[in-house]
Amino acid sequence: MAESSDAANTLNIAADALTESLTPDWGFFIRSSKRHEAFRSAWQEVEVHETRTFGTLFRLDSHFMTSEKDEFFYHENLVHMAAITHGRPRRALIVGGGDGGSAEELFKHPSIEHITLVEIDQAVVDIARRYLQRVHHGSLDDPRLTLKIEDGFAYVKAGTEPFDLIVLDLTDPGGPSTLLYTSEFYRACAARLGDSGIMTLHIASPLANPTQIRETLQRLREVFKHVVPYLTSVPLYGGLWLMAFCSQRADPRRLTPETVEARLQERGIRQLQYYNGAMHSAALALPNFVKEIVA
């Protein structure tokens, strides 16, 4: 094989490339074809771009949050592992999730009567309404949803309303979300769930952030009897990504692929792009290196 030229072997990352570092030595880029918005809200730096690979893409503080073409990798796995395991979820709380993607997935379950969405930054909701229709599909304006623009930590601590499901759809630890990764917050969530409720959250990349995963799981295990890590792939986040299922009673490992498929059929949920019975079980099957991290 002929040797390639130096120019052909050099990746040209131009000024229109959006970059994100997963570690000080590893990251990736996505090229922006158009910048729709870029400003600082009261809480964080907000950007919306058009991209060839991911369509409309949303960033906070230079971190990729969601895109219209790959959001299903994240939202379907974050929501349906818990919602299908629960027998009949009626009331749900989403902390974060101002793009509306988690709410849209929850509304696919016919038993859902009400969702409370607590988002600290009004700008996130405004951006979603303007640019991310293909992520939320109108869920932010569904009459069954109550939107609260306030601090999620304070809301969960101060209230008493019970929930069947809590979905922590958060930014990575740091800034406004720092307190939402603490044992104190997890205890407050557990109090709202009681014995039969379920909480899910995303944690981190097992390749880039194994220490963060260990620390988060330790805090969760102080509060919940069942803490079940599960794995998915999120292209926008750089690949493998760990999530966790937390409950005092429920355990997703008890569901067979056939049971998952039967529940999806009973609930009339057909428009999924990722989650199904086989993928439910596959997400719970961890590679050996991940088993060592979560042990």
C-alpha atoms as a PDB file:
ATOM      1  CA  MET A   1       0.000   0.000   0.000  1.00  0.00           C
ATOM      2  CA  ALA A   2       1.334   3.433  -0.925  1.00  0.00           C
ATOM      3  CA  GLU A   3       2.107   5.785   1.904  1.00  0.00           C
ATOM      4  CA  SER A   4      -0.442   8.521   2.441  1.00  0.00           C
ATOM      5  CA  SER A   5       0.650  12.115   2.443  1.00  0.00           C
ATOM      6  CA  ASP A   6       1.057  13.963   5.734  1.00  0.00           C
ATOM      7  CA  ALA A   7      -1.852  16.176   4.747  1.00  0.00           C
ATOM      8  CA  ALA A   8      -4.133  13.171   4.288  1.00  0.00           C
ATOM      9  CA  ASN A   9      -3.180  11.782   7.686  1.00  0.00           C
ATOM     10  CA  THR A  10      -3.748  15.044   9.528  1.00  0.00           C
ATOM     11  CA  LEU A  11      -7.234  15.718  10.870  1.00  0.00           C
ATOM     12  CA  ASN A  12      -8.128  19.307  10.138  1.00  0.00           C
ATOM     13  CA  ILE A  13     -10.128  20.590  13.102  1.00  0.00           C
ATOM     14  CA  ALA A  14     -11.222  24.001  11.857  1.00  0.00           C
ATOM     15  CA  ALA A  15     -12.690  26.942  13.679  1.00  0.00           C
ATOM     16  CA  ASP A  16     -16.224  25.622  13.111  1.00  0.00           C
ATOM     17  CA  ALA A  17     -15.508  22.444  15.135  1.00  0.00           C
ATOM     18  CA  LEU A  18     -17.171  22.109  18.536  1.00  0.00           C
ATOM     19  CA  THR A  19     -14.877  20.220  20.906  1.00  0.00           C
ATOM     20  CA  GLU A  20     -15.413  18.498  24.235  1.00  0.00           C
ATOM     21  CA  SER A  21     -12.758  16.989  26.484  1.00  0.00           C
ATOM     22  CA  LEU A  22     -13.667  13.781  28.297  1.00  0.00           C
ATOM     23  CA  THR A  23     -10.302  13.733  30.057  1.00  0.00           C
ATOM     24  CA  PRO A  24      -7.270  16.044  29.819  1.00  0.00           C
ATOM     25  CA  ASP A  25      -5.904  13.674  27.129  1.00  0.00           C
ATOM     26  CA  TRP A  26      -9.037  12.557  25.281  1.00  0.00           C
ATOM     27  CA  GLY A  27     -11.934  14.250  23.599  1.00  0.00           C
ATOM     28  CA  PHE A  28     -13.832  14.594  20.338  1.00  0.00           C
ATOM     29  CA  PHE A  29     -15.305  17.153  18.001  1.00  0.00           C
ATOM     30  CA  ILE A  30     -18.464  17.803  16.009  1.00  0.00           C
ATOM     31  CA  ARG A  31     -18.469  20.277  13.180  1.00  0.00           C
ATOM     32  CA  SER A  32     -21.017  23.094  13.322  1.00  0.00           C
ATOM     33  CA  SER A  33     -22.571  24.129  10.031  1.00  0.00           C
ATOM     34  CA  LYS A  34     -24.517  26.971  11.627  1.00  0.00           C
ATOM     35  CA  ARG A  35     -24.698  28.603  15.043  1.00  0.00           C
ATOM     36  CA  HIS A  36     -28.287  29.398  15.991  1.00  0.00           C
ATOM     37  CA  GLU A  37     -27.703  30.780  19.499  1.00  0.00           C
ATOM     38  CA  ALA A  38     -24.821  31.473  21.871  1.00  0.00           C
ATOM     39  CA  PHE A  39     -25.316  33.389  25.112  1.00  0.00           C
ATOM     40  CA  ARG A  40     -24.893  33.204  28.866  1.00  0.00           C
ATOM     41  CA  SER A  41     -28.017  32.605  30.922  1.00  0.00           C
ATOM     42  CA  ALA A  42     -28.254  33.317  34.628  1.00  0.00           C
ATOM     43  CA  TRP A  43     -26.707  29.886  35.232  1.00  0.00           C
ATOM     44  CA  GLN A  44     -24.574  28.695  32.314  1.00  0.00           C
ATOM     45  CA  GLU A  45     -23.285  29.150  28.783  1.00  0.00           C
ATOM     46  CA  VAL A  46     -25.952  28.132  26.261  1.00  0.00           C
ATOM     47  CA  GLU A  47     -25.374  27.195  22.607  1.00  0.00           C
ATOM     48  CA  VAL A  48     -27.474  25.768  19.788  1.00  0.00           C
ATOM     49  CA  HIS A  49     -25.859  24.613  16.544  1.00  0.00           C
ATOM     50  CA  GLU A  50     -26.855  22.915  13.334  1.00  0.00           C
ATOM     51  CA  THR A  51     -24.670  19.895  12.484  1.00  0.00           C
ATOM     52  CA  ARG A  52     -24.606  17.440   9.591  1.00  0.00           C
ATOM     53  CA  THR A  53     -24.324  14.289  11.714  1.00  0.00           C
ATOM     54  CA  PHE A  54     -26.529  15.122  14.702  1.00  0.00           C
ATOM     55  CA  GLY A  55     -28.934  17.724  13.336  1.00  0.00           C
ATOM     56  CA  THR A  56     -29.799  20.473  15.807  1.00  0.00           C
ATOM     57  CA  LEU A  57     -27.414  20.176  18.753  1.00  0.00           C
ATOM     58  CA  PHE A  58     -27.613  21.778  22.196  1.00  0.00           C
ATOM     59  CA  ARG A  59     -24.660  22.533  24.498  1.00  0.00           C
ATOM     60  CA  LEU A  60     -24.274  23.848  28.046  1.00  0.00           C
ATOM     61  CA  ASP A  61     -20.937  25.142  29.306  1.00  0.00           C
ATOM     62  CA  SER A  62     -19.263  23.589  26.241  1.00  0.00           C
ATOM     63  CA  HIS A  63     -20.685  20.130  27.052  1.00  0.00           C
ATOM     64  CA  PHE A  64     -22.859  18.345  24.502  1.00  0.00           C
ATOM     65  CA  MET A  65     -26.306  17.881  26.046  1.00  0.00           C
ATOM     66  CA  THR A  66     -28.680  16.595  23.381  1.00  0.00           C
ATOM     67  CA  SER A  67     -29.275  16.462  19.656  1.00  0.00           C
ATOM     68  CA  GLU A  68     -32.333  15.711  17.593  1.00  0.00           C
ATOM     69  CA  LYS A  69     -30.799  12.721  15.794  1.00  0.00           C
ATOM     70  CA  ASP A  70     -29.316  10.740  18.696  1.00  0.00           C
ATOM     71  CA  GLU A  71     -31.367  11.791  21.737  1.00  0.00           C
ATOM     72  CA  PHE A  72     -33.127   8.415  21.789  1.00  0.00           C
ATOM     73  CA  PHE A  73     -29.921   6.618  22.862  1.00  0.00           C
ATOM     74  CA  TYR A  74     -29.992   8.618  26.088  1.00  0.00           C
ATOM     75  CA  HIS A  75     -33.657   9.340  26.835  1.00  0.00           C
ATOM     76  CA  GLU A  76     -35.070   5.900  26.036  1.00  0.00           C
ATOM     77  CA  ASN A  77     -32.544   4.162  28.256  1.00  0.00           C
ATOM     78  CA  LEU A  78     -32.839   6.689  31.074  1.00  0.00           C
ATOM     79  CA  VAL A  79     -36.647   6.378  31.202  1.00  0.00           C
ATOM     80  CA  HIS A  80     -37.888   2.977  30.051  1.00  0.00           C
ATOM     81  CA  MET A  81     -35.688   0.724  32.190  1.00  0.00           C
ATOM     82  CA  ALA A  82     -37.528   2.143  35.217  1.00  0.00           C
ATOM     83  CA  ALA A  83     -40.951   2.791  33.699  1.00  0.00           C
ATOM     84  CA  ILE A  84     -41.298  -0.735  32.300  1.00  0.00           C
ATOM     85  CA  THR A  85     -40.038  -2.331  35.522  1.00  0.00           C
ATOM     86  CA  HIS A  86     -42.659  -0.389  37.486  1.00  0.00           C
ATOM     87  CA  GLY A  87     -46.040  -2.073  37.267  1.00  0.00           C
ATOM     88  CA  ARG A  88     -48.116   1.065  36.687  1.00  0.00           C
ATOM     89  CA  PRO A  89     -46.335   4.411  37.047  1.00  0.00           C
ATOM     90  CA  ARG A  90     -48.779   7.279  37.531  1.00  0.00           C
ATOM     91  CA  ARG A  91     -46.822  10.236  38.877  1.00  0.00           C
ATOM     92  CA  ALA A  92     -43.266  11.126  37.887  1.00  0.00           C
ATOM     93  CA  LEU A  93     -40.711  13.780  38.772  1.00  0.00           C
ATOM     94  CA  ILE A  94     -37.999  14.891  36.382  1.00  0.00           C
ATOM     95  CA  VAL A  95     -35.177  16.956  37.848  1.00  0.00           C
ATOM     96  CA  GLY A  96     -33.381  18.778  35.050  1.00  0.00           C
ATOM     97  CA  GLY A  97     -34.535  17.624  31.646  1.00  0.00           C
ATOM     98  CA  GLY A  98     -35.545  21.049  30.396  1.00  0.00           C
ATOM     99  CA  ASP A  99     -35.170  19.861  26.798  1.00  0.00           C
ATOM    100  CA  GLY A 100     -38.326  17.760  27.312  1.00  0.00           C
ATOM    101  CA  GLY A 101     -36.860  14.490  26.046  1.00  0.00           C
ATOM    102  CA  SER A 102     -37.413  12.518  29.249  1.00  0.00           C
ATOM    103  CA  ALA A 103     -40.968  13.824  29.585  1.00  0.00           C
ATOM    104  CA  GLU A 104     -41.718  12.759  26.008  1.00  0.00           C
ATOM    105  CA  GLU A 105     -40.590   9.208  26.764  1.00  0.00           C
ATOM    106  CA  LEU A 106     -42.594   9.041  30.008  1.00  0.00           C
ATOM    107  CA  PHE A 107     -45.770  10.168  28.259  1.00  0.00           C
ATOM    108  CA  LYS A 108     -45.559   7.066  26.057  1.00  0.00           C
ATOM    109  CA  HIS A 109     -46.745   5.097  29.099  1.00  0.00           C
ATOM    110  CA  PRO A 110     -50.558   5.365  29.213  1.00  0.00           C
ATOM    111  CA  SER A 111     -50.715   5.112  33.008  1.00  0.00           C
ATOM    112  CA  ILE A 112     -48.809   8.397  33.467  1.00  0.00           C
ATOM    113  CA  GLU A 113     -51.240  10.948  34.885  1.00  0.00           C
ATOM    114  CA  HIS A 114     -48.876  13.733  35.862  1.00  0.00           C
ATOM    115  CA  ILE A 115     -45.247  14.775  35.475  1.00  0.00           C
ATOM    116  CA  THR A 116     -43.534  17.483  37.489  1.00  0.00           C
ATOM    117  CA  LEU A 117     -40.484  18.851  35.682  1.00  0.00           C
ATOM    118  CA  VAL A 118     -38.114  20.933  37.807  1.00  0.00           C
ATOM    119  CA  GLU A 119     -35.542  22.824  35.737  1.00  0.00           C
ATOM    120  CA  ILE A 120     -33.339  25.509  37.258  1.00  0.00           C
ATOM    121  CA  ASP A 121     -32.741  27.451  34.035  1.00  0.00           C
ATOM    122  CA  GLN A 122     -35.641  28.958  32.095  1.00  0.00           C
ATOM    123  CA  ALA A 123     -33.282  29.460  29.145  1.00  0.00           C
ATOM    124  CA  VAL A 124     -33.041  25.677  28.626  1.00  0.00           C
ATOM    125  CA  VAL A 125     -36.819  25.389  28.268  1.00  0.00           C
ATOM    126  CA  ASP A 126     -36.966  28.411  25.972  1.00  0.00           C
ATOM    127  CA  ILE A 127     -34.264  26.941  23.723  1.00  0.00           C
ATOM    128  CA  ALA A 128     -36.064  23.595  23.620  1.00  0.00           C
ATOM    129  CA  ARG A 129     -39.300  25.221  22.546  1.00  0.00           C
ATOM    130  CA  ARG A 130     -37.548  27.161  19.787  1.00  0.00           C
ATOM    131  CA  TYR A 131     -35.180  24.518  18.412  1.00  0.00           C
ATOM    132  CA  LEU A 132     -35.733  21.035  19.898  1.00  0.00           C
ATOM    133  CA  GLN A 133     -39.244  20.091  18.803  1.00  0.00           C
ATOM    134  CA  ARG A 134     -37.891  16.777  17.499  1.00  0.00           C
ATOM    135  CA  VAL A 135     -36.617  16.015  20.991  1.00  0.00           C
ATOM    136  CA  HIS A 136     -39.651  16.902  23.121  1.00  0.00           C
ATOM    137  CA  HIS A 137     -42.466  16.506  20.525  1.00  0.00           C
ATOM    138  CA  GLY A 138     -44.647  18.972  22.417  1.00  0.00           C
ATOM    139  CA  SER A 139     -44.297  17.309  25.819  1.00  0.00           C
ATOM    140  CA  LEU A 140     -43.302  20.583  27.491  1.00  0.00           C
ATOM    141  CA  ASP A 141     -46.794  21.924  26.762  1.00  0.00           C
ATOM    142  CA  ASP A 142     -48.715  18.758  27.589  1.00  0.00           C
ATOM    143  CA  PRO A 143     -51.471  19.592  30.145  1.00  0.00           C
ATOM    144  CA  ARG A 144     -50.323  16.666  32.283  1.00  0.00           C
ATOM    145  CA  LEU A 145     -46.945  18.352  32.858  1.00  0.00           C
ATOM    146  CA  THR A 146     -46.263  20.964  35.529  1.00  0.00           C
ATOM    147  CA  LEU A 147     -43.112  22.972  34.834  1.00  0.00           C
ATOM    148  CA  LYS A 148     -41.301  24.516  37.785  1.00  0.00           C
ATOM    149  CA  ILE A 149     -38.343  26.831  37.221  1.00  0.00           C
ATOM    150  CA  GLU A 150     -36.505  26.414  40.490  1.00  0.00           C
ATOM    151  CA  ASP A 151     -33.699  24.581  42.237  1.00  0.00           C
ATOM    152  CA  GLY A 152     -34.264  20.819  42.142  1.00  0.00           C
ATOM    153  CA  PHE A 153     -32.466  20.184  45.424  1.00  0.00           C
ATOM    154  CA  ALA A 154     -34.672  22.654  47.298  1.00  0.00           C
ATOM    155  CA  TYR A 155     -37.838  21.367  45.616  1.00  0.00           C
ATOM    156  CA  VAL A 156     -37.251  17.731  46.532  1.00  0.00           C
ATOM    157  CA  LYS A 157     -36.147  18.540  50.081  1.00  0.00           C
ATOM    158  CA  ALA A 158     -39.067  20.831  50.866  1.00  0.00           C
ATOM    159  CA  GLY A 159     -41.971  18.860  49.402  1.00  0.00           C
ATOM    160  CA  THR A 160     -43.934  15.799  50.472  1.00  0.00           C
ATOM    161  CA  GLU A 161     -45.756  14.750  47.276  1.00  0.00           C
ATOM    162  CA  PRO A 162     -45.031  11.085  46.501  1.00  0.00           C
ATOM    163  CA  PHE A 163     -43.813   9.883  43.121  1.00  0.00           C
ATOM    164  CA  ASP A 164     -43.686   6.520  41.393  1.00  0.00           C
ATOM    165  CA  LEU A 165     -40.669   7.505  39.303  1.00  0.00           C
ATOM    166  CA  ILE A 166     -37.912  10.076  39.649  1.00  0.00           C
ATOM    167  CA  VAL A 167     -35.712  10.740  36.629  1.00  0.00           C
ATOM    168  CA  LEU A 168     -32.526  12.709  37.296  1.00  0.00           C
ATOM    169  CA  ASP A 169     -31.826  14.167  33.856  1.00  0.00           C
ATOM    170  CA  LEU A 170     -28.883  16.308  34.927  1.00  0.00           C
ATOM    171  CA  THR A 171     -25.771  17.946  33.606  1.00  0.00           C
ATOM    172  CA  ASP A 172     -22.486  16.436  34.769  1.00  0.00           C
ATOM    173  CA  PRO A 173     -21.462  17.266  38.354  1.00  0.00           C
ATOM    174  CA  GLY A 174     -20.435  20.885  38.744  1.00  0.00           C
ATOM    175  CA  GLY A 175     -22.113  24.277  38.780  1.00  0.00           C
ATOM    176  CA  PRO A 176     -25.887  24.182  39.392  1.00  0.00           C
ATOM    177  CA  SER A 177     -25.975  20.368  39.559  1.00  0.00           C
ATOM    178  CA  THR A 178     -23.313  19.867  42.253  1.00  0.00           C
ATOM    179  CA  LEU A 179     -25.740  19.254  45.142  1.00  0.00           C
ATOM    180  CA  LEU A 180     -27.797  16.854  43.022  1.00  0.00           C
ATOM    181  CA  TYR A 181     -25.035  14.239  43.230  1.00  0.00           C
ATOM    182  CA  THR A 182     -24.928  14.100  47.048  1.00  0.00           C
ATOM    183  CA  SER A 183     -26.140  11.485  49.540  1.00  0.00           C
ATOM    184  CA  GLU A 184     -28.391  14.133  51.093  1.00  0.00           C
ATOM    185  CA  PHE A 185     -30.209  14.665  47.805  1.00  0.00           C
ATOM    186  CA  TYR A 186     -30.538  10.935  47.151  1.00  0.00           C
ATOM    187  CA  ARG A 187     -32.103  10.489  50.616  1.00  0.00           C
ATOM    188  CA  ALA A 188     -34.589  13.234  49.843  1.00  0.00           C
ATOM    189  CA  CYS A 189     -35.479  11.496  46.572  1.00  0.00           C
ATOM    190  CA  ALA A 190     -35.885   8.155  48.344  1.00  0.00           C
ATOM    191  CA  ALA A 191     -38.297   9.755  50.809  1.00  0.00           C
ATOM    192  CA  ARG A 192     -40.467  10.943  47.902  1.00  0.00           C
ATOM    193  CA  LEU A 193     -40.453   7.467  46.330  1.00  0.00           C
ATOM    194  CA  GLY A 194     -41.280   5.314  49.321  1.00  0.00           C
ATOM    195  CA  ASP A 195     -40.716   1.569  49.105  1.00  0.00           C
ATOM    196  CA  SER A 196     -42.240   0.989  45.672  1.00  0.00           C
ATOM    197  CA  GLY A 197     -40.836   3.899  43.657  1.00  0.00           C
ATOM    198  CA  ILE A 198     -37.868   3.902  41.276  1.00  0.00           C
ATOM    199  CA  MET A 199     -35.187   6.471  40.488  1.00  0.00           C
ATOM    200  CA  THR A 200     -32.902   6.500  37.457  1.00  0.00           C
ATOM    201  CA  LEU A 201     -29.950   8.684  36.591  1.00  0.00           C
ATOM    202  CA  HIS A 202     -27.007   8.810  34.249  1.00  0.00           C
ATOM    203  CA  ILE A 203     -23.577   8.714  35.844  1.00  0.00           C
ATOM    204  CA  ALA A 204     -20.544   8.919  33.549  1.00  0.00           C
ATOM    205  CA  SER A 205     -18.298   7.238  31.012  1.00  0.00           C
ATOM    206  CA  PRO A 206     -16.658   4.102  32.472  1.00  0.00           C
ATOM    207  CA  LEU A 207     -13.602   4.795  30.329  1.00  0.00           C
ATOM    208  CA  ALA A 208     -13.200   8.465  31.186  1.00  0.00           C
ATOM    209  CA  ASN A 209     -14.607   8.726  34.726  1.00  0.00           C
ATOM    210  CA  PRO A 210     -14.329   5.450  36.693  1.00  0.00           C
ATOM    211  CA  THR A 211     -13.663   7.306  39.959  1.00  0.00           C
ATOM    212  CA  GLN A 212     -16.802   9.392  39.575  1.00  0.00           C
ATOM    213  CA  ILE A 213     -18.790   6.218  38.948  1.00  0.00           C
ATOM    214  CA  ARG A 214     -17.450   4.531  42.084  1.00  0.00           C
ATOM    215  CA  GLU A 215     -18.171   7.583  44.256  1.00  0.00           C
ATOM    216  CA  THR A 216     -21.694   8.056  42.905  1.00  0.00           C
ATOM    217  CA  LEU A 217     -22.604   4.390  43.314  1.00  0.00           C
ATOM    218  CA  GLN A 218     -21.287   4.424  46.881  1.00  0.00           C
ATOM    219  CA  ARG A 219     -23.595   7.331  47.748  1.00  0.00           C
ATOM    220  CA  LEU A 220     -26.564   5.659  46.074  1.00  0.00           C
ATOM    221  CA  ARG A 221     -25.935   2.389  47.939  1.00  0.00           C
ATOM    222  CA  GLU A 222     -26.077   4.256  51.231  1.00  0.00           C
ATOM    223  CA  VAL A 223     -29.704   5.098  50.439  1.00  0.00           C
ATOM    224  CA  PHE A 224     -31.244   2.418  48.194  1.00  0.00           C
ATOM    225  CA  LYS A 225     -31.417  -1.345  48.702  1.00  0.00           C
ATOM    226  CA  HIS A 226     -31.210  -2.053  44.969  1.00  0.00           C
ATOM    227  CA  VAL A 227     -28.709  -0.025  42.942  1.00  0.00           C
ATOM    228  CA  VAL A 228     -28.360  -1.628  39.529  1.00  0.00           C
ATOM    229  CA  PRO A 229     -25.841  -0.136  37.087  1.00  0.00           C
ATOM    230  CA  TYR A 230     -26.594  -0.571  33.403  1.00  0.00           C
ATOM    231  CA  LEU A 231     -24.737   0.346  30.267  1.00  0.00           C
ATOM    232  CA  THR A 232     -25.679   1.985  27.009  1.00  0.00           C
ATOM    233  CA  SER A 233     -24.001   3.837  24.178  1.00  0.00           C
ATOM    234  CA  VAL A 234     -24.554   7.555  23.649  1.00  0.00           C
ATOM    235  CA  PRO A 235     -22.744   8.783  20.520  1.00  0.00           C
ATOM    236  CA  LEU A 236     -23.059  12.435  21.532  1.00  0.00           C
ATOM    237  CA  TYR A 237     -21.288  11.659  24.825  1.00  0.00           C
ATOM    238  CA  GLY A 238     -18.397   9.811  23.235  1.00  0.00           C
ATOM    239  CA  GLY A 239     -19.553   6.184  23.454  1.00  0.00           C
ATOM    240  CA  LEU A 240     -20.193   3.896  26.439  1.00  0.00           C
ATOM    241  CA  TRP A 241     -22.208   5.505  29.228  1.00  0.00           C
ATOM    242  CA  LEU A 242     -23.299   4.173  32.621  1.00  0.00           C
ATOM    243  CA  MET A 243     -26.724   4.706  34.142  1.00  0.00           C
ATOM    244  CA  ALA A 244     -28.218   3.429  37.390  1.00  0.00           C
ATOM    245  CA  PHE A 245     -31.585   2.048  38.506  1.00  0.00           C
ATOM    246  CA  CYS A 246     -32.338   2.654  42.205  1.00  0.00           C
ATOM    247  CA  SER A 247     -35.169   1.304  44.362  1.00  0.00           C
ATOM    248  CA  GLN A 248     -35.962  -0.267  47.704  1.00  0.00           C
ATOM    249  CA  ARG A 249     -37.977  -3.125  46.174  1.00  0.00           C
ATOM    250  CA  ALA A 250     -37.962  -3.169  42.374  1.00  0.00           C
ATOM    251  CA  ASP A 251     -35.170  -4.821  40.408  1.00  0.00           C
ATOM    252  CA  PRO A 252     -34.972  -4.698  36.585  1.00  0.00           C
ATOM    253  CA  ARG A 253     -32.941  -7.920  36.548  1.00  0.00           C
ATOM    254  CA  ARG A 254     -36.110  -9.859  37.402  1.00  0.00           C
ATOM    255  CA  LEU A 255     -37.694  -9.022  34.043  1.00  0.00           C
ATOM    256  CA  THR A 256     -37.102 -11.382  31.135  1.00  0.00           C
ATOM    257  CA  PRO A 257     -36.951 -10.028  27.573  1.00  0.00           C
ATOM    258  CA  GLU A 258     -40.340 -11.631  26.991  1.00  0.00           C
ATOM    259  CA  THR A 259     -41.849  -9.808  29.968  1.00  0.00           C
ATOM    260  CA  VAL A 260     -40.483  -6.491  28.736  1.00  0.00           C
ATOM    261  CA  GLU A 261     -41.909  -7.078  25.251  1.00  0.00           C
ATOM    262  CA  ALA A 262     -45.279  -8.041  26.724  1.00  0.00           C
ATOM    263  CA  ARG A 263     -45.430  -4.869  28.802  1.00  0.00           C
ATOM    264  CA  LEU A 264     -44.470  -2.704  25.833  1.00  0.00           C
ATOM    265  CA  GLN A 265     -47.259  -4.332  23.818  1.00  0.00           C
ATOM    266  CA  GLU A 266     -49.811  -4.007  26.631  1.00  0.00           C
ATOM    267  CA  ARG A 267     -49.006  -0.307  26.964  1.00  0.00           C
ATOM    268  CA  GLY A 268     -49.116   0.275  23.214  1.00  0.00           C
ATOM    269  CA  ILE A 269     -45.529   1.530  23.088  1.00  0.00           C
ATOM    270  CA  ARG A 270     -44.267   0.905  19.561  1.00  0.00           C
ATOM    271  CA  GLN A 271     -42.367   4.021  18.486  1.00  0.00           C
ATOM    272  CA  LEU A 272     -39.037   3.243  20.174  1.00  0.00           C
ATOM    273  CA  GLN A 273     -35.739   3.354  18.313  1.00  0.00           C
ATOM    274  CA  TYR A 274     -33.463   1.669  20.901  1.00  0.00           C
ATOM    275  CA  TYR A 275     -35.161   0.047  23.886  1.00  0.00           C
ATOM    276  CA  ASN A 276     -36.772  -3.395  23.634  1.00  0.00           C
ATOM    277  CA  GLY A 277     -36.816  -6.631  25.599  1.00  0.00           C
ATOM    278  CA  ALA A 278     -33.455  -7.863  24.384  1.00  0.00           C
ATOM    279  CA  MET A 279     -31.799  -4.477  24.941  1.00  0.00           C
ATOM    280  CA  HIS A 280     -33.225  -4.317  28.483  1.00  0.00           C
ATOM    281  CA  SER A 281     -31.308  -7.478  29.338  1.00  0.00           C
ATOM    282  CA  ALA A 282     -28.270  -6.494  27.283  1.00  0.00           C
ATOM    283  CA  ALA A 283     -27.895  -3.197  29.165  1.00  0.00           C
ATOM    284  CA  LEU A 284     -27.663  -5.127  32.436  1.00  0.00           C
ATOM    285  CA  ALA A 285     -24.889  -7.415  31.132  1.00  0.00           C
ATOM    286  CA  LEU A 286     -21.695  -5.559  32.015  1.00  0.00           C
ATOM    287  CA  PRO A 287     -18.233  -6.153  30.546  1.00  0.00           C
ATOM    288  CA  ASN A 288     -15.652  -7.355  33.047  1.00  0.00           C
ATOM    289  CA  PHE A 289     -13.827  -4.025  33.257  1.00  0.00           C
ATOM    290  CA  VAL A 290     -17.117  -2.286  34.114  1.00  0.00           C
ATOM    291  CA  LYS A 291     -17.931  -4.961  36.703  1.00  0.00           C
ATOM    292  CA  GLU A 292     -14.666  -4.111  38.445  1.00  0.00           C
ATOM    293  CA  ILE A 293     -15.546  -0.416  38.507  1.00  0.00           C
ATOM    294  CA  VAL A 294     -19.059  -0.896  39.902  1.00  0.00           C
ATOM    295  CA  ALA A 295     -18.266  -3.719  42.353  1.00  0.00           C
END
